[in-house]
Amino acid sequence: MANNLRLGKQWGLRRMATPAGHFTMVALDQRPPIASLIARKQGIAPADVAFADMVAVKRVLVDVLGPHASAMLFDPNYAFPAGLKKLPAHTGLVVTLEDHRFRDQPGGRLSHSIKDWSVEKIKRAGGDGVKVLAWYRPDADADIVAHQQRYVAEIGEQCRVHDIPLVLELLVYPFPKSERHTTDYVESPEKLPELVLDSVREFAKPHYGVDLFKLESPLPGASLPAHGDSAESRQAQALFDQMGGICRDAGIPWVMLSAGVTPQQFLRVMAYAYAAGAHGFLAGRAVWWEALQQFPDLAGFEAQLRREGTATLAELAALTARAGNAWQADYSAFDTLKAEGEFCLAYAG
């Protein structure tokens, strides 16, 4: 019965959602995009960006957006020291496990965890959920595919042990330049849906232990047609519906990532996603990227974020409340209890 209850996972997901059961979450675990912007503004290499500057940016993000999000996604190296004391008590905390320094191989891309970081440490640090980004292509070399599958499955098992939700982010990536791929490979819009859907289909299998999917659009978000009754819109909706169907059949709630699109483009993405049954969003740059262009003027950054970032987040939240699919915790296993002490005994193992 204890395995059916998964009380830690249920509570973690409740902490990440609104009282109505929608996920209106903000990501600030981004490391390379923020470092690259700071480096460009300062005329230095990304590797030379100061720790203090990364922390300062993330502190503003938590301070301004934290009160308006159902949860925030922190990385441990910058966001934790920047924003934990500013994160409102009512806002859930999702924590990144994977290192942004992935390893490109001729046959594909390998994910790995941040040094000295683990599922256990995320739980001990007060995290409500563990987020893992798995770069994935079903057509990568067999050893790459096996590594990525094993990496996620091992984390899924650790999340079971520590009873904490696994939030899995899947991203298709271009192959690196190699003997197999003699030019920089840019994924065609025709190939992308197949890769996205096949990836979701694989990791929806129960042994991976995914509790919440964070997914990319099956078509480039910047070029989606207006959501409506045109032939193009119906074709796009059919792809979102396939993605939603995979998640529904597996019993896994799902949210969308923003992938660097503009606020209006992301609202369009979410219209398709909600029509397909999505439960919310976990968005970063669509909410705060434009305001961040003010750096190194932190006061200007904060002012624009309060004006525009909160407005974008409010518009997304309103759409979510109106059209999103609500998630509800499942405590039906409690109904099987017949006597005092039965629950404690069942949860002992």
Protein backbone atom coordinates (compact mmCIF):
# COMPACT_ATOMS: atom_id res chain seq x y z
CA MET A 1 0.00 0.00 0.00
CA ALA A 2 2.87 2.41 0.76
CA ASN A 3 4.06 2.19 -2.84
CA ASN A 4 0.55 3.09 -4.03
CA LEU A 5 0.36 6.07 -1.69
CA ARG A 6 3.72 7.65 -2.63
CA LEU A 7 2.94 10.35 -0.09
CA GLY A 8 6.16 12.30 -0.67
CA LYS A 9 5.57 12.41 -4.41
CA GLN A 10 1.93 13.41 -4.00
CA TRP A 11 2.79 16.14 -1.52
CA GLY A 12 5.65 17.41 -3.68
CA LEU A 13 3.37 17.75 -6.70
CA ARG A 14 0.76 19.49 -4.55
CA ARG A 15 3.42 21.96 -3.41
CA MET A 16 4.35 22.64 -7.04
CA ALA A 17 0.75 23.26 -8.17
CA THR A 18 -1.84 25.92 -7.48
CA PRO A 19 -4.70 25.04 -5.10
CA ALA A 20 -6.77 24.34 -8.22
CA GLY A 21 -4.22 21.80 -9.46
CA HIS A 22 -2.44 23.77 -12.21
CA PHE A 23 1.31 24.12 -12.59
CA THR A 24 2.22 27.79 -13.18
CA MET A 25 5.96 27.49 -12.64
CA VAL A 26 8.94 29.71 -13.44
CA ALA A 27 12.36 28.35 -14.37
CA LEU A 28 15.52 30.17 -13.35
CA ASP A 29 17.95 27.27 -13.45
CA GLN A 30 19.27 28.47 -16.82
CA ARG A 31 23.04 28.82 -16.69
CA PRO A 32 24.61 29.15 -20.19
CA PRO A 33 21.99 31.61 -21.57
CA ILE A 34 22.36 33.97 -18.60
CA ALA A 35 26.15 33.66 -18.51
CA SER A 36 26.35 34.33 -22.26
CA LEU A 37 24.21 37.47 -21.96
CA ILE A 38 26.26 38.81 -19.05
CA ALA A 39 29.47 38.03 -20.93
CA ARG A 40 28.25 39.84 -24.03
CA LYS A 41 27.26 42.89 -22.00
CA GLN A 42 30.63 42.97 -20.24
CA GLY A 43 32.77 42.07 -23.25
CA ILE A 44 34.21 38.95 -21.62
CA ALA A 45 34.10 35.20 -22.16
CA PRO A 46 31.18 33.29 -20.58
CA ALA A 47 33.68 31.31 -18.51
CA ASP A 48 34.86 34.58 -16.93
CA VAL A 49 31.42 35.70 -15.73
CA ALA A 50 31.55 36.41 -11.99
CA PHE A 51 29.62 34.24 -9.56
CA ALA A 52 28.28 37.44 -7.96
CA ASP A 53 26.71 38.59 -11.24
CA MET A 54 24.92 35.27 -11.79
CA VAL A 55 23.64 35.34 -8.22
CA ALA A 56 22.48 38.97 -8.53
CA VAL A 57 20.38 38.17 -11.62
CA LYS A 58 18.74 35.17 -10.02
CA ARG A 59 18.04 37.05 -6.81
CA VAL A 60 16.00 39.60 -8.75
CA LEU A 61 14.11 36.84 -10.55
CA VAL A 62 13.08 35.17 -7.29
CA ASP A 63 12.25 38.45 -5.58
CA VAL A 64 9.97 39.69 -8.37
CA LEU A 65 8.43 36.50 -9.77
CA GLY A 66 8.43 34.15 -6.76
CA PRO A 67 5.19 35.46 -5.24
CA HIS A 68 3.35 34.92 -8.55
CA ALA A 69 4.51 31.37 -9.40
CA SER A 70 3.11 28.09 -8.07
CA ALA A 71 6.72 26.85 -7.98
CA MET A 72 10.19 27.92 -9.07
CA LEU A 73 12.97 25.83 -10.59
CA PHE A 74 16.35 26.45 -8.93
CA ASP A 75 19.81 25.24 -9.82
CA PRO A 76 21.93 24.53 -6.72
CA ASN A 77 25.05 26.49 -7.68
CA TYR A 78 23.55 29.94 -8.28
CA ALA A 79 19.80 30.07 -7.59
CA PHE A 80 19.97 28.42 -4.18
CA PRO A 81 22.38 30.95 -2.63
CA ALA A 82 20.66 33.76 -4.54
CA GLY A 83 17.05 33.14 -3.81
CA LEU A 84 16.15 30.57 -1.17
CA LYS A 85 15.66 33.14 1.56
CA LYS A 86 13.50 35.22 -0.80
CA LEU A 87 11.30 32.33 -2.01
CA PRO A 88 7.81 32.72 -0.52
CA ALA A 89 6.69 29.89 1.75
CA HIS A 90 3.66 29.22 -0.48
CA THR A 91 5.83 28.74 -3.60
CA GLY A 92 7.04 25.23 -4.38
CA LEU A 93 10.72 24.43 -4.94
CA VAL A 94 11.90 22.25 -7.83
CA VAL A 95 15.64 21.64 -8.02
CA THR A 96 17.84 20.80 -10.98
CA LEU A 97 20.03 17.69 -10.89
CA GLU A 98 21.72 17.64 -14.29
CA ASP A 99 24.89 19.55 -15.18
CA HIS A 100 24.53 22.03 -18.03
CA ARG A 101 27.93 20.90 -19.29
CA PHE A 102 26.66 17.99 -21.39
CA ARG A 103 29.09 15.87 -23.39
CA ASP A 104 28.74 15.88 -27.18
CA GLN A 105 29.91 12.68 -28.87
CA PRO A 106 29.96 11.94 -32.62
CA GLY A 107 26.88 9.76 -32.18
CA GLY A 108 24.90 11.95 -29.79
CA ARG A 109 24.78 13.84 -26.52
CA LEU A 110 25.28 12.56 -22.96
CA SER A 111 23.70 13.99 -19.82
CA HIS A 112 25.21 13.74 -16.33
CA SER A 113 24.52 15.14 -12.88
CA ILE A 114 26.07 18.18 -11.21
CA LYS A 115 29.20 17.28 -9.27
CA ASP A 116 28.53 16.52 -5.59
CA TRP A 117 24.75 16.77 -6.12
CA SER A 118 22.11 14.03 -5.85
CA VAL A 119 18.43 13.22 -5.38
CA GLU A 120 19.09 12.62 -1.69
CA LYS A 121 20.67 16.06 -1.27
CA ILE A 122 17.77 17.74 -3.07
CA LYS A 123 15.35 16.05 -0.67
CA ARG A 124 17.49 16.97 2.34
CA ALA A 125 17.73 20.58 1.13
CA GLY A 126 13.94 20.91 1.15
CA GLY A 127 13.18 20.39 -2.52
CA ASP A 128 9.62 19.51 -3.51
CA GLY A 129 10.74 17.93 -6.78
CA VAL A 130 13.80 16.81 -8.76
CA LYS A 131 14.16 18.15 -12.31
CA VAL A 132 16.31 16.32 -14.85
CA LEU A 133 16.95 17.39 -18.42
CA ALA A 134 17.70 14.44 -20.69
CA TRP A 135 18.97 15.37 -24.12
CA TYR A 136 17.46 12.64 -26.27
CA ARG A 137 17.20 11.44 -29.83
CA PRO A 138 15.86 7.95 -30.58
CA ASP A 139 18.10 7.93 -33.69
CA ALA A 140 21.35 8.58 -31.80
CA ASP A 141 23.97 5.82 -31.56
CA ALA A 142 22.79 2.82 -29.58
CA ASP A 143 25.30 3.36 -26.75
CA ILE A 144 24.21 7.01 -26.41
CA VAL A 145 20.53 6.04 -26.30
CA ALA A 146 21.28 3.34 -23.71
CA HIS A 147 23.25 5.78 -21.55
CA GLN A 148 20.45 8.36 -21.55
CA GLN A 149 17.81 5.76 -20.75
CA ARG A 150 19.93 4.30 -17.95
CA TYR A 151 20.66 7.77 -16.55
CA VAL A 152 16.95 8.62 -16.26
CA ALA A 153 16.00 5.18 -14.94
CA GLU A 154 18.63 5.37 -12.17
CA ILE A 155 17.40 8.81 -11.12
CA GLY A 156 13.82 7.55 -11.23
CA GLU A 157 14.77 4.77 -8.83
CA GLN A 158 16.43 7.24 -6.46
CA CYS A 159 13.29 9.39 -6.55
CA ARG A 160 11.27 6.31 -5.59
CA VAL A 161 13.63 5.58 -2.70
CA HIS A 162 13.39 9.16 -1.40
CA ASP A 163 9.71 9.53 -2.35
CA ILE A 164 10.13 12.80 -4.24
CA PRO A 165 8.62 13.68 -7.65
CA LEU A 166 10.75 13.30 -10.79
CA VAL A 167 10.17 16.12 -13.28
CA LEU A 168 11.65 14.97 -16.59
CA GLU A 169 12.50 17.50 -19.28
CA LEU A 170 13.11 16.08 -22.75
CA LEU A 171 14.88 18.02 -25.49
CA VAL A 172 15.76 16.99 -29.01
CA TYR A 173 19.16 18.33 -30.10
CA PRO A 174 21.11 18.68 -33.37
CA PHE A 175 23.88 16.19 -34.01
CA PRO A 176 27.38 17.66 -33.66
CA LYS A 177 29.58 18.10 -36.70
CA SER A 178 31.29 14.75 -37.34
CA GLU A 179 32.14 12.27 -40.04
CA ARG A 180 28.50 11.19 -39.96
CA HIS A 181 27.25 14.79 -40.10
CA THR A 182 29.60 16.90 -42.21
CA THR A 183 27.70 20.15 -41.71
CA ASP A 184 26.01 21.66 -38.68
CA TYR A 185 22.77 19.73 -38.48
CA VAL A 186 19.60 21.75 -37.98
CA GLU A 187 16.49 19.68 -37.32
CA SER A 188 13.86 20.08 -40.01
CA PRO A 189 10.29 20.88 -38.85
CA GLU A 190 9.19 17.69 -40.63
CA LYS A 191 11.50 15.48 -38.53
CA LEU A 192 11.05 17.23 -35.18
CA PRO A 193 7.53 15.94 -34.33
CA GLU A 194 8.59 12.32 -34.81
CA LEU A 195 11.62 12.76 -32.56
CA VAL A 196 9.67 14.60 -29.85
CA LEU A 197 6.79 12.12 -29.78
CA ASP A 198 9.02 9.03 -29.85
CA SER A 199 11.04 10.46 -26.95
CA VAL A 200 7.93 11.05 -24.83
CA ARG A 201 6.64 7.60 -25.72
CA GLU A 202 9.86 5.98 -24.47
CA PHE A 203 10.08 7.79 -21.14
CA ALA A 204 6.38 7.37 -20.39
CA LYS A 205 7.18 3.72 -19.65
CA PRO A 206 6.63 2.97 -15.94
CA HIS A 207 10.16 1.84 -15.06
CA TYR A 208 11.52 5.38 -15.58
CA GLY A 209 9.37 6.63 -12.71
CA VAL A 210 8.44 10.00 -14.26
CA ASP A 211 5.92 11.95 -12.20
CA LEU A 212 5.66 15.12 -14.32
CA PHE A 213 6.82 15.75 -17.89
CA LYS A 214 8.31 19.07 -18.97
CA LEU A 215 7.99 18.97 -22.75
CA GLU A 216 8.91 20.96 -25.81
CA SER A 217 6.50 21.78 -28.60
CA PRO A 218 6.41 19.06 -31.30
CA LEU A 219 6.69 21.91 -33.83
CA PRO A 220 8.91 24.99 -33.52
CA GLY A 221 7.06 27.29 -31.14
CA ALA A 222 8.09 30.43 -33.01
CA SER A 223 6.35 29.31 -36.20
CA LEU A 224 3.12 27.77 -34.91
CA PRO A 225 0.04 29.11 -36.72
CA ALA A 226 -2.65 30.91 -34.76
CA HIS A 227 -4.74 28.42 -32.81
CA GLY A 228 -8.00 28.02 -34.67
CA ASP A 229 -9.76 26.10 -37.39
CA SER A 230 -7.33 26.46 -40.29
CA ALA A 231 -5.86 23.35 -41.92
CA GLU A 232 -2.42 24.25 -40.55
CA SER A 233 -3.79 24.70 -37.05
CA ARG A 234 -5.63 21.37 -37.16
CA GLN A 235 -2.46 19.60 -38.29
CA ALA A 236 -0.47 21.19 -35.47
CA GLN A 237 -3.17 20.33 -32.93
CA ALA A 238 -3.10 16.71 -34.03
CA LEU A 239 0.59 16.51 -33.03
CA PHE A 240 -0.08 18.08 -29.63
CA ASP A 241 -3.00 15.67 -29.21
CA GLN A 242 -0.68 12.73 -29.84
CA MET A 243 1.68 14.01 -27.18
CA GLY A 244 -1.16 14.54 -24.74
CA GLY A 245 -2.52 11.08 -25.49
CA ILE A 246 0.79 9.43 -24.62
CA CYS A 247 0.87 11.23 -21.27
CA ARG A 248 -2.80 10.54 -20.55
CA ASP A 249 -2.45 6.82 -21.28
CA ALA A 250 0.58 6.66 -18.98
CA GLY A 251 -1.18 8.64 -16.23
CA ILE A 252 1.57 11.28 -16.17
CA PRO A 253 0.70 15.00 -15.94
CA TRP A 254 2.63 17.29 -18.28
CA VAL A 255 3.66 20.91 -18.65
CA MET A 256 5.30 22.88 -21.45
CA LEU A 257 8.68 24.59 -21.53
CA SER A 258 9.08 27.88 -23.33
CA ALA A 259 12.35 27.18 -25.22
CA GLY A 260 13.21 30.84 -25.61
CA VAL A 261 10.15 31.93 -27.60
CA THR A 262 8.53 35.33 -27.05
CA PRO A 263 5.68 35.74 -24.56
CA GLN A 264 3.04 35.91 -27.31
CA GLN A 265 4.50 32.88 -29.08
CA PHE A 266 4.43 30.93 -25.83
CA LEU A 267 0.80 31.85 -25.21
CA ARG A 268 0.09 30.38 -28.63
CA VAL A 269 2.00 27.19 -27.74
CA MET A 270 -0.03 26.90 -24.54
CA ALA A 271 -3.33 27.24 -26.39
CA TYR A 272 -2.44 24.09 -28.36
CA ALA A 273 -1.10 22.33 -25.26
CA TYR A 274 -4.21 23.00 -23.18
CA ALA A 275 -6.44 21.76 -25.96
CA ALA A 276 -4.41 18.54 -25.75
CA GLY A 277 -4.75 18.22 -21.97
CA ALA A 278 -1.63 19.90 -20.55
CA HIS A 279 -1.60 20.73 -16.84
CA GLY A 280 0.44 23.93 -16.95
CA PHE A 281 3.83 25.37 -17.81
CA LEU A 282 7.38 25.62 -16.52
CA ALA A 283 8.64 28.69 -18.37
CA GLY A 284 11.77 30.77 -18.08
CA ARG A 285 12.95 33.06 -20.84
CA ALA A 286 9.44 33.73 -22.20
CA VAL A 287 8.77 35.44 -18.86
CA TRP A 288 12.04 37.22 -18.02
CA TRP A 289 14.39 37.31 -21.01
CA GLU A 290 13.37 40.69 -22.38
CA ALA A 291 13.77 42.37 -19.01
CA LEU A 292 17.20 40.78 -18.56
CA GLN A 293 18.46 42.77 -21.55
CA GLN A 294 18.72 45.67 -19.08
CA PHE A 295 21.76 44.07 -17.41
CA PRO A 296 24.03 45.41 -15.88
CA ASP A 297 21.36 47.91 -14.82
CA LEU A 298 19.81 45.71 -12.11
CA ALA A 299 17.34 48.41 -11.08
CA GLY A 300 16.16 48.72 -14.67
CA PHE A 301 16.00 44.94 -14.97
CA GLU A 302 13.86 44.71 -11.84
CA ALA A 303 11.56 47.54 -12.93
CA GLN A 304 10.91 46.05 -16.37
CA LEU A 305 10.45 42.59 -14.86
CA ARG A 306 7.84 43.95 -12.44
CA ARG A 307 6.06 45.66 -15.33
CA GLU A 308 6.29 43.10 -18.11
CA GLY A 309 7.41 39.80 -16.59
CA THR A 310 4.64 39.72 -14.01
CA ALA A 311 2.11 40.72 -16.69
CA THR A 312 3.23 37.82 -18.90
CA LEU A 313 3.05 35.43 -15.96
CA ALA A 314 -0.44 36.72 -15.07
CA GLU A 315 -1.63 36.25 -18.65
CA LEU A 316 -0.25 32.70 -18.72
CA ALA A 317 -1.84 31.94 -15.34
CA ALA A 318 -5.22 33.25 -16.51
CA LEU A 319 -5.07 31.08 -19.64
CA THR A 320 -4.08 28.11 -17.48
CA ALA A 321 -6.98 28.63 -15.06
CA ARG A 322 -9.36 28.98 -18.00
CA ALA A 323 -8.18 26.15 -20.24
CA GLY A 324 -5.63 23.99 -18.39
CA ASN A 325 -6.23 20.45 -17.21
CA ALA A 326 -6.25 20.28 -13.40
CA TRP A 327 -4.14 17.68 -11.61
CA GLN A 328 -5.37 16.22 -8.33
CA ALA A 329 -3.48 14.13 -5.79
CA ASP A 330 -4.60 10.51 -5.51
CA TYR A 331 -5.07 9.32 -1.93
CA SER A 332 -7.49 6.51 -2.76
CA ALA A 333 -5.11 3.94 -1.25
CA PHE A 334 -6.15 5.23 2.17
CA ASP A 335 -9.58 3.73 1.50
CA THR A 336 -8.12 0.24 1.82
CA LEU A 337 -7.08 0.75 5.47
CA LYS A 338 -9.03 -1.45 7.90
CA ALA A 339 -7.32 -1.09 11.27
CA GLU A 340 -5.16 1.10 13.48
CA GLY A 341 -1.46 0.69 12.75
CA GLU A 342 -1.94 -0.72 9.25
CA PHE A 343 -0.67 2.44 7.59
CA CYS A 344 2.46 2.68 9.77
CA LEU A 345 3.29 -0.96 9.13
CA ALA A 346 2.80 -0.60 5.38
CA TYR A 347 4.98 2.50 5.20
CA ALA A 348 7.75 0.98 7.30
CA GLY A 349 9.39 -0.56 4.26
